[in-house]
Amino acid sequence: MSADPILNPVYFEAKVNSKVFPVLPGYHKVMHEPDVAITTLLGSCVAACIRDSNTGIGGLNHFLLPRDRSENASGFSARYGVNAMEVLINEILRTGARKQDLEAKVFGAGNVISRAEMTNVGQQNAEFVLSYLREEGIRLLASDLGGDRARRVFYFPSTGKARVLNLSNQDTAKTGAAEVSLEQRLRVEKKVQASIVELF
């Protein structure tokens, strides 16, 4: 699904001297506007920035986990990388792009979560996105993955330029806490979905 323009309106960002369109976790955005960047905030999550090198039409996604491996996994959620990549690429291809003309830059996968059971989330996300692009034959032009800081990414699909700002320790900690909270909410949602399936 695409980011909701009502909940996430375009605004001017002085850091990149441009209008920007914010994308939340589990969403994506595809556009071709020279004066507008797409932006997202990443901790252990990953954003894949993909564009058609001929037309400049492209966008980015923001996924939390590579895939849903739970026993109750069902449905199609762009919160998971395996789905988020397919959704983004397919939307770009629908504009007339050819897969061989796609190019990518990937960001995120930081080690920002302190909970023991989630310490390797960033690494899993990084390994997944690199493997996915390699298997799909999509050119990887640049990557900024890992580390111990959260990132703010600005991506200009029309030119393919990207700018990454590393956040402070305090903001990184807040980002990690927000991701833990979101991961807990996902678990609750899956339990509810599983209960509905059992009832019917």
C-alpha atoms as a PDB file:
ATOM      1  CA  MET A   1       0.000   0.000   0.000  1.00  0.00           C
ATOM      2  CA  SER A   2       1.118   3.556  -0.576  1.00  0.00           C
ATOM      3  CA  ALA A   3       1.614   6.178   2.075  1.00  0.00           C
ATOM      4  CA  ASP A   4      -1.529   8.160   2.773  1.00  0.00           C
ATOM      5  CA  PRO A   5      -1.081  11.757   1.512  1.00  0.00           C
ATOM      6  CA  ILE A   6      -3.668  12.966   3.998  1.00  0.00           C
ATOM      7  CA  LEU A   7      -1.848  11.529   6.996  1.00  0.00           C
ATOM      8  CA  ASN A   8       1.549  12.326   5.504  1.00  0.00           C
ATOM      9  CA  PRO A   9       1.355  15.588   3.582  1.00  0.00           C
ATOM     10  CA  VAL A  10       4.220  16.942   1.508  1.00  0.00           C
ATOM     11  CA  TYR A  11       6.212  19.539   3.432  1.00  0.00           C
ATOM     12  CA  PHE A  12       9.344  21.624   2.882  1.00  0.00           C
ATOM     13  CA  GLU A  13      12.529  20.287   4.468  1.00  0.00           C
ATOM     14  CA  ALA A  14      15.363  22.777   4.824  1.00  0.00           C
ATOM     15  CA  LYS A  15      17.936  20.005   5.320  1.00  0.00           C
ATOM     16  CA  VAL A  16      17.606  19.073   1.643  1.00  0.00           C
ATOM     17  CA  ASN A  17      16.137  22.366   0.432  1.00  0.00           C
ATOM     18  CA  SER A  18      13.198  20.572  -1.111  1.00  0.00           C
ATOM     19  CA  LYS A  19       9.646  19.418  -0.603  1.00  0.00           C
ATOM     20  CA  VAL A  20       9.504  15.903   0.830  1.00  0.00           C
ATOM     21  CA  PHE A  21       6.888  13.160   1.060  1.00  0.00           C
ATOM     22  CA  PRO A  22       7.180  11.104   4.291  1.00  0.00           C
ATOM     23  CA  VAL A  23       6.660   7.335   4.245  1.00  0.00           C
ATOM     24  CA  LEU A  24       5.774   5.380   7.375  1.00  0.00           C
ATOM     25  CA  PRO A  25       6.766   1.781   8.236  1.00  0.00           C
ATOM     26  CA  GLY A  26       4.874  -0.739   6.126  1.00  0.00           C
ATOM     27  CA  TYR A  27       4.177   1.735   3.326  1.00  0.00           C
ATOM     28  CA  HIS A  28       5.796   2.873   0.083  1.00  0.00           C
ATOM     29  CA  LYS A  29       5.639   5.714  -2.398  1.00  0.00           C
ATOM     30  CA  VAL A  30       6.349   5.902  -6.137  1.00  0.00           C
ATOM     31  CA  MET A  31       6.652   9.259  -7.918  1.00  0.00           C
ATOM     32  CA  HIS A  32       8.443  11.294 -10.570  1.00  0.00           C
ATOM     33  CA  GLU A  33       8.584  14.877  -9.400  1.00  0.00           C
ATOM     34  CA  PRO A  34      11.938  16.688  -9.715  1.00  0.00           C
ATOM     35  CA  ASP A  35      11.289  18.996  -6.787  1.00  0.00           C
ATOM     36  CA  VAL A  36      10.047  16.394  -4.302  1.00  0.00           C
ATOM     37  CA  ALA A  37      12.014  13.824  -2.310  1.00  0.00           C
ATOM     38  CA  ILE A  38      10.649  10.792  -0.512  1.00  0.00           C
ATOM     39  CA  THR A  39      11.780  10.472   3.096  1.00  0.00           C
ATOM     40  CA  THR A  40      11.583   7.901   5.849  1.00  0.00           C
ATOM     41  CA  LEU A  41      13.084   7.251   9.287  1.00  0.00           C
ATOM     42  CA  LEU A  42      14.966   3.970   9.742  1.00  0.00           C
ATOM     43  CA  GLY A  43      16.287   2.083  12.722  1.00  0.00           C
ATOM     44  CA  SER A  44      16.614  -1.669  12.216  1.00  0.00           C
ATOM     45  CA  CYS A  45      14.125  -1.352   9.350  1.00  0.00           C
ATOM     46  CA  VAL A  46      15.231  -1.119   5.717  1.00  0.00           C
ATOM     47  CA  ALA A  47      14.232   1.158   2.859  1.00  0.00           C
ATOM     48  CA  ALA A  48      14.876   0.066  -0.704  1.00  0.00           C
ATOM     49  CA  CYS A  49      15.062   2.987  -3.125  1.00  0.00           C
ATOM     50  CA  ILE A  50      14.377   1.751  -6.654  1.00  0.00           C
ATOM     51  CA  ARG A  51      13.979   3.648  -9.920  1.00  0.00           C
ATOM     52  CA  ASP A  52      13.778   3.227 -13.668  1.00  0.00           C
ATOM     53  CA  SER A  53      17.101   4.641 -14.851  1.00  0.00           C
ATOM     54  CA  ASN A  54      15.527   5.747 -18.147  1.00  0.00           C
ATOM     55  CA  THR A  55      12.411   7.579 -16.953  1.00  0.00           C
ATOM     56  CA  GLY A  56      13.375   8.553 -13.408  1.00  0.00           C
ATOM     57  CA  ILE A  57      10.141   7.059 -12.082  1.00  0.00           C
ATOM     58  CA  GLY A  58      10.771   5.319  -8.778  1.00  0.00           C
ATOM     59  CA  GLY A  59      10.212   5.257  -5.079  1.00  0.00           C
ATOM     60  CA  LEU A  60      11.041   3.676  -1.773  1.00  0.00           C
ATOM     61  CA  ASN A  61       9.522   1.243   0.676  1.00  0.00           C
ATOM     62  CA  HIS A  62       9.973   0.801   4.417  1.00  0.00           C
ATOM     63  CA  PHE A  63       9.772  -2.698   5.837  1.00  0.00           C
ATOM     64  CA  LEU A  64      10.211  -3.957   9.398  1.00  0.00           C
ATOM     65  CA  LEU A  65      11.098  -7.631   8.974  1.00  0.00           C
ATOM     66  CA  PRO A  66      12.201  -9.837   6.066  1.00  0.00           C
ATOM     67  CA  ARG A  67       9.147 -12.113   6.239  1.00  0.00           C
ATOM     68  CA  ASP A  68       6.516 -13.445   8.599  1.00  0.00           C
ATOM     69  CA  ARG A  69       7.694 -16.880   9.729  1.00  0.00           C
ATOM     70  CA  SER A  70       5.032 -17.429  12.372  1.00  0.00           C
ATOM     71  CA  GLU A  71       2.781 -20.471  12.248  1.00  0.00           C
ATOM     72  CA  ASN A  72      -0.196 -18.169  11.878  1.00  0.00           C
ATOM     73  CA  ALA A  73       1.277 -16.210   8.982  1.00  0.00           C
ATOM     74  CA  SER A  74      -1.438 -15.207   6.542  1.00  0.00           C
ATOM     75  CA  GLY A  75      -2.416 -12.357   4.269  1.00  0.00           C
ATOM     76  CA  PHE A  76      -0.183  -9.897   2.478  1.00  0.00           C
ATOM     77  CA  SER A  77       1.505  -7.151   4.453  1.00  0.00           C
ATOM     78  CA  ALA A  78       4.013  -4.622   3.129  1.00  0.00           C
ATOM     79  CA  ARG A  79       5.479  -4.515   6.635  1.00  0.00           C
ATOM     80  CA  TYR A  80       7.470  -7.546   5.550  1.00  0.00           C
ATOM     81  CA  GLY A  81      10.313  -7.202   3.071  1.00  0.00           C
ATOM     82  CA  VAL A  82       9.306 -10.080   0.825  1.00  0.00           C
ATOM     83  CA  ASN A  83       5.988  -8.319   0.171  1.00  0.00           C
ATOM     84  CA  ALA A  84       7.232  -4.733   0.301  1.00  0.00           C
ATOM     85  CA  MET A  85       9.773  -5.369  -2.438  1.00  0.00           C
ATOM     86  CA  GLU A  86       7.217  -6.983  -4.723  1.00  0.00           C
ATOM     87  CA  VAL A  87       4.714  -4.164  -4.237  1.00  0.00           C
ATOM     88  CA  LEU A  88       7.257  -1.420  -4.968  1.00  0.00           C
ATOM     89  CA  ILE A  89       8.803  -3.108  -7.997  1.00  0.00           C
ATOM     90  CA  ASN A  90       5.452  -4.042  -9.526  1.00  0.00           C
ATOM     91  CA  GLU A  91       4.159  -0.487  -9.214  1.00  0.00           C
ATOM     92  CA  ILE A  92       7.248   0.849 -10.998  1.00  0.00           C
ATOM     93  CA  LEU A  93       6.963  -1.804 -13.714  1.00  0.00           C
ATOM     94  CA  ARG A  94       3.324  -0.833 -14.294  1.00  0.00           C
ATOM     95  CA  THR A  95       4.560   2.578 -15.499  1.00  0.00           C
ATOM     96  CA  GLY A  96       6.203   0.830 -18.446  1.00  0.00           C
ATOM     97  CA  ALA A  97       9.628   0.262 -16.905  1.00  0.00           C
ATOM     98  CA  ARG A  98      11.662  -2.801 -17.808  1.00  0.00           C
ATOM     99  CA  LYS A  99      13.157  -4.852 -15.019  1.00  0.00           C
ATOM    100  CA  GLN A 100      16.633  -4.679 -16.562  1.00  0.00           C
ATOM    101  CA  ASP A 101      16.506  -0.876 -16.320  1.00  0.00           C
ATOM    102  CA  LEU A 102      15.855  -0.819 -12.572  1.00  0.00           C
ATOM    103  CA  GLU A 103      18.539   0.333 -10.155  1.00  0.00           C
ATOM    104  CA  ALA A 104      18.538   0.362  -6.368  1.00  0.00           C
ATOM    105  CA  LYS A 105      20.044   1.934  -3.284  1.00  0.00           C
ATOM    106  CA  VAL A 106      19.335   0.470   0.168  1.00  0.00           C
ATOM    107  CA  PHE A 107      19.542   1.954   3.643  1.00  0.00           C
ATOM    108  CA  GLY A 108      18.922   1.131   7.290  1.00  0.00           C
ATOM    109  CA  ALA A 109      19.320  -2.170   9.180  1.00  0.00           C
ATOM    110  CA  GLY A 110      20.905  -0.463  12.163  1.00  0.00           C
ATOM    111  CA  ASN A 111      21.512  -2.226  15.481  1.00  0.00           C
ATOM    112  CA  VAL A 112      19.192   0.024  17.475  1.00  0.00           C
ATOM    113  CA  ILE A 113      17.080  -2.481  19.420  1.00  0.00           C
ATOM    114  CA  SER A 114      18.402  -3.617  22.795  1.00  0.00           C
ATOM    115  CA  ARG A 115      15.972  -6.477  23.431  1.00  0.00           C
ATOM    116  CA  ALA A 116      17.905  -9.754  23.273  1.00  0.00           C
ATOM    117  CA  GLU A 117      15.403 -11.548  21.044  1.00  0.00           C
ATOM    118  CA  MET A 118      15.528  -8.753  18.468  1.00  0.00           C
ATOM    119  CA  THR A 119      19.250  -7.940  18.348  1.00  0.00           C
ATOM    120  CA  ASN A 120      19.732  -9.463  14.886  1.00  0.00           C
ATOM    121  CA  VAL A 121      16.721  -7.866  13.186  1.00  0.00           C
ATOM    122  CA  GLY A 122      18.846  -5.293  11.394  1.00  0.00           C
ATOM    123  CA  GLN A 123      21.271  -7.942  10.160  1.00  0.00           C
ATOM    124  CA  GLN A 124      18.404 -10.127   8.927  1.00  0.00           C
ATOM    125  CA  ASN A 125      16.885  -7.189   7.050  1.00  0.00           C
ATOM    126  CA  ALA A 126      20.222  -6.304   5.445  1.00  0.00           C
ATOM    127  CA  GLU A 127      20.901  -9.875   4.340  1.00  0.00           C
ATOM    128  CA  PHE A 128      17.383 -10.191   2.965  1.00  0.00           C
ATOM    129  CA  VAL A 129      17.343  -7.040   0.831  1.00  0.00           C
ATOM    130  CA  LEU A 130      20.790  -7.686  -0.652  1.00  0.00           C
ATOM    131  CA  SER A 131      19.855 -11.286  -1.455  1.00  0.00           C
ATOM    132  CA  TYR A 132      16.519 -10.233  -2.963  1.00  0.00           C
ATOM    133  CA  LEU A 133      18.068  -7.692  -5.310  1.00  0.00           C
ATOM    134  CA  ARG A 134      20.767 -10.139  -6.350  1.00  0.00           C
ATOM    135  CA  GLU A 135      18.247 -12.901  -7.095  1.00  0.00           C
ATOM    136  CA  GLU A 136      15.991 -10.512  -9.043  1.00  0.00           C
ATOM    137  CA  GLY A 137      18.885  -9.148 -11.067  1.00  0.00           C
ATOM    138  CA  ILE A 138      18.368  -5.539  -9.982  1.00  0.00           C
ATOM    139  CA  ARG A 139      21.503  -3.396  -9.994  1.00  0.00           C
ATOM    140  CA  LEU A 140      22.618  -2.205  -6.570  1.00  0.00           C
ATOM    141  CA  LEU A 141      24.296   1.195  -6.911  1.00  0.00           C
ATOM    142  CA  ALA A 142      24.838   1.980  -3.229  1.00  0.00           C
ATOM    143  CA  SER A 143      24.096   0.750   0.270  1.00  0.00           C
ATOM    144  CA  ASP A 144      24.376   2.126   3.779  1.00  0.00           C
ATOM    145  CA  LEU A 145      23.440  -0.722   6.104  1.00  0.00           C
ATOM    146  CA  GLY A 146      24.234  -1.628   9.698  1.00  0.00           C
ATOM    147  CA  GLY A 147      25.915   0.530  12.294  1.00  0.00           C
ATOM    148  CA  ASP A 148      24.413   1.668  15.580  1.00  0.00           C
ATOM    149  CA  ARG A 149      22.550   4.819  14.525  1.00  0.00           C
ATOM    150  CA  ALA A 150      19.068   5.444  13.194  1.00  0.00           C
ATOM    151  CA  ARG A 151      18.915   7.215   9.833  1.00  0.00           C
ATOM    152  CA  ARG A 152      16.737   9.728   8.048  1.00  0.00           C
ATOM    153  CA  VAL A 153      16.791   9.012   4.309  1.00  0.00           C
ATOM    154  CA  PHE A 154      15.854  11.461   1.547  1.00  0.00           C
ATOM    155  CA  TYR A 155      15.501   9.977  -1.935  1.00  0.00           C
ATOM    156  CA  PHE A 156      14.967  11.820  -5.219  1.00  0.00           C
ATOM    157  CA  PRO A 157      13.665   9.241  -7.731  1.00  0.00           C
ATOM    158  CA  SER A 158      13.947  11.597 -10.705  1.00  0.00           C
ATOM    159  CA  THR A 159      17.741  11.805 -10.322  1.00  0.00           C
ATOM    160  CA  GLY A 160      18.477   8.788  -8.155  1.00  0.00           C
ATOM    161  CA  LYS A 161      20.239  10.943  -5.588  1.00  0.00           C
ATOM    162  CA  ALA A 162      19.917  10.039  -1.926  1.00  0.00           C
ATOM    163  CA  ARG A 163      20.954  11.809   1.239  1.00  0.00           C
ATOM    164  CA  VAL A 164      21.306  10.063   4.593  1.00  0.00           C
ATOM    165  CA  LEU A 165      21.372  11.842   7.946  1.00  0.00           C
ATOM    166  CA  ASN A 166      22.537   9.881  11.004  1.00  0.00           C
ATOM    167  CA  LEU A 167      20.467  10.624  14.087  1.00  0.00           C
ATOM    168  CA  SER A 168      21.737  11.436  17.571  1.00  0.00           C
ATOM    169  CA  ASN A 169      22.026   8.747  20.249  1.00  0.00           C
ATOM    170  CA  GLN A 170      18.878  10.069  21.892  1.00  0.00           C
ATOM    171  CA  ASP A 171      16.839   9.980  18.692  1.00  0.00           C
ATOM    172  CA  THR A 172      18.269   6.554  17.863  1.00  0.00           C
ATOM    173  CA  ALA A 173      17.062   5.226  21.206  1.00  0.00           C
ATOM    174  CA  LYS A 174      13.595   6.654  20.546  1.00  0.00           C
ATOM    175  CA  THR A 175      13.523   5.037  17.118  1.00  0.00           C
ATOM    176  CA  GLY A 176      14.489   1.661  18.581  1.00  0.00           C
ATOM    177  CA  ALA A 177      11.784   1.934  21.235  1.00  0.00           C
ATOM    178  CA  ALA A 178       9.198   2.801  18.580  1.00  0.00           C
ATOM    179  CA  GLU A 179      10.197  -0.251  16.537  1.00  0.00           C
ATOM    180  CA  VAL A 180       9.858  -2.538  19.559  1.00  0.00           C
ATOM    181  CA  SER A 181       6.395  -1.105  20.202  1.00  0.00           C
ATOM    182  CA  LEU A 182       5.394  -1.654  16.589  1.00  0.00           C
ATOM    183  CA  GLU A 183       6.729  -5.217  16.624  1.00  0.00           C
ATOM    184  CA  GLN A 184       4.656  -5.962  19.730  1.00  0.00           C
ATOM    185  CA  ARG A 185       1.567  -4.565  18.015  1.00  0.00           C
ATOM    186  CA  LEU A 186       2.197  -6.826  15.030  1.00  0.00           C
ATOM    187  CA  ARG A 187       2.272  -9.840  17.307  1.00  0.00           C
ATOM    188  CA  VAL A 188      -1.062  -8.880  18.827  1.00  0.00           C
ATOM    189  CA  GLU A 189      -2.610  -8.354  15.380  1.00  0.00           C
ATOM    190  CA  LYS A 190      -1.444 -11.793  14.233  1.00  0.00           C
ATOM    191  CA  LYS A 191      -2.993 -13.427  17.296  1.00  0.00           C
ATOM    192  CA  VAL A 192      -6.295 -11.682  16.583  1.00  0.00           C
ATOM    193  CA  GLN A 193      -6.185 -12.761  12.920  1.00  0.00           C
ATOM    194  CA  ALA A 194      -5.456 -16.338  13.956  1.00  0.00           C
ATOM    195  CA  SER A 195      -8.441 -16.306  16.331  1.00  0.00           C
ATOM    196  CA  ILE A 196     -10.728 -15.065  13.538  1.00  0.00           C
ATOM    197  CA  VAL A 197      -9.550 -17.861  11.238  1.00  0.00           C
ATOM    198  CA  GLU A 198     -10.251 -20.461  13.933  1.00  0.00           C
ATOM    199  CA  LEU A 199     -13.755 -19.102  14.510  1.00  0.00           C
ATOM    200  CA  PHE A 200     -14.720 -19.414  10.860  1.00  0.00           C
END
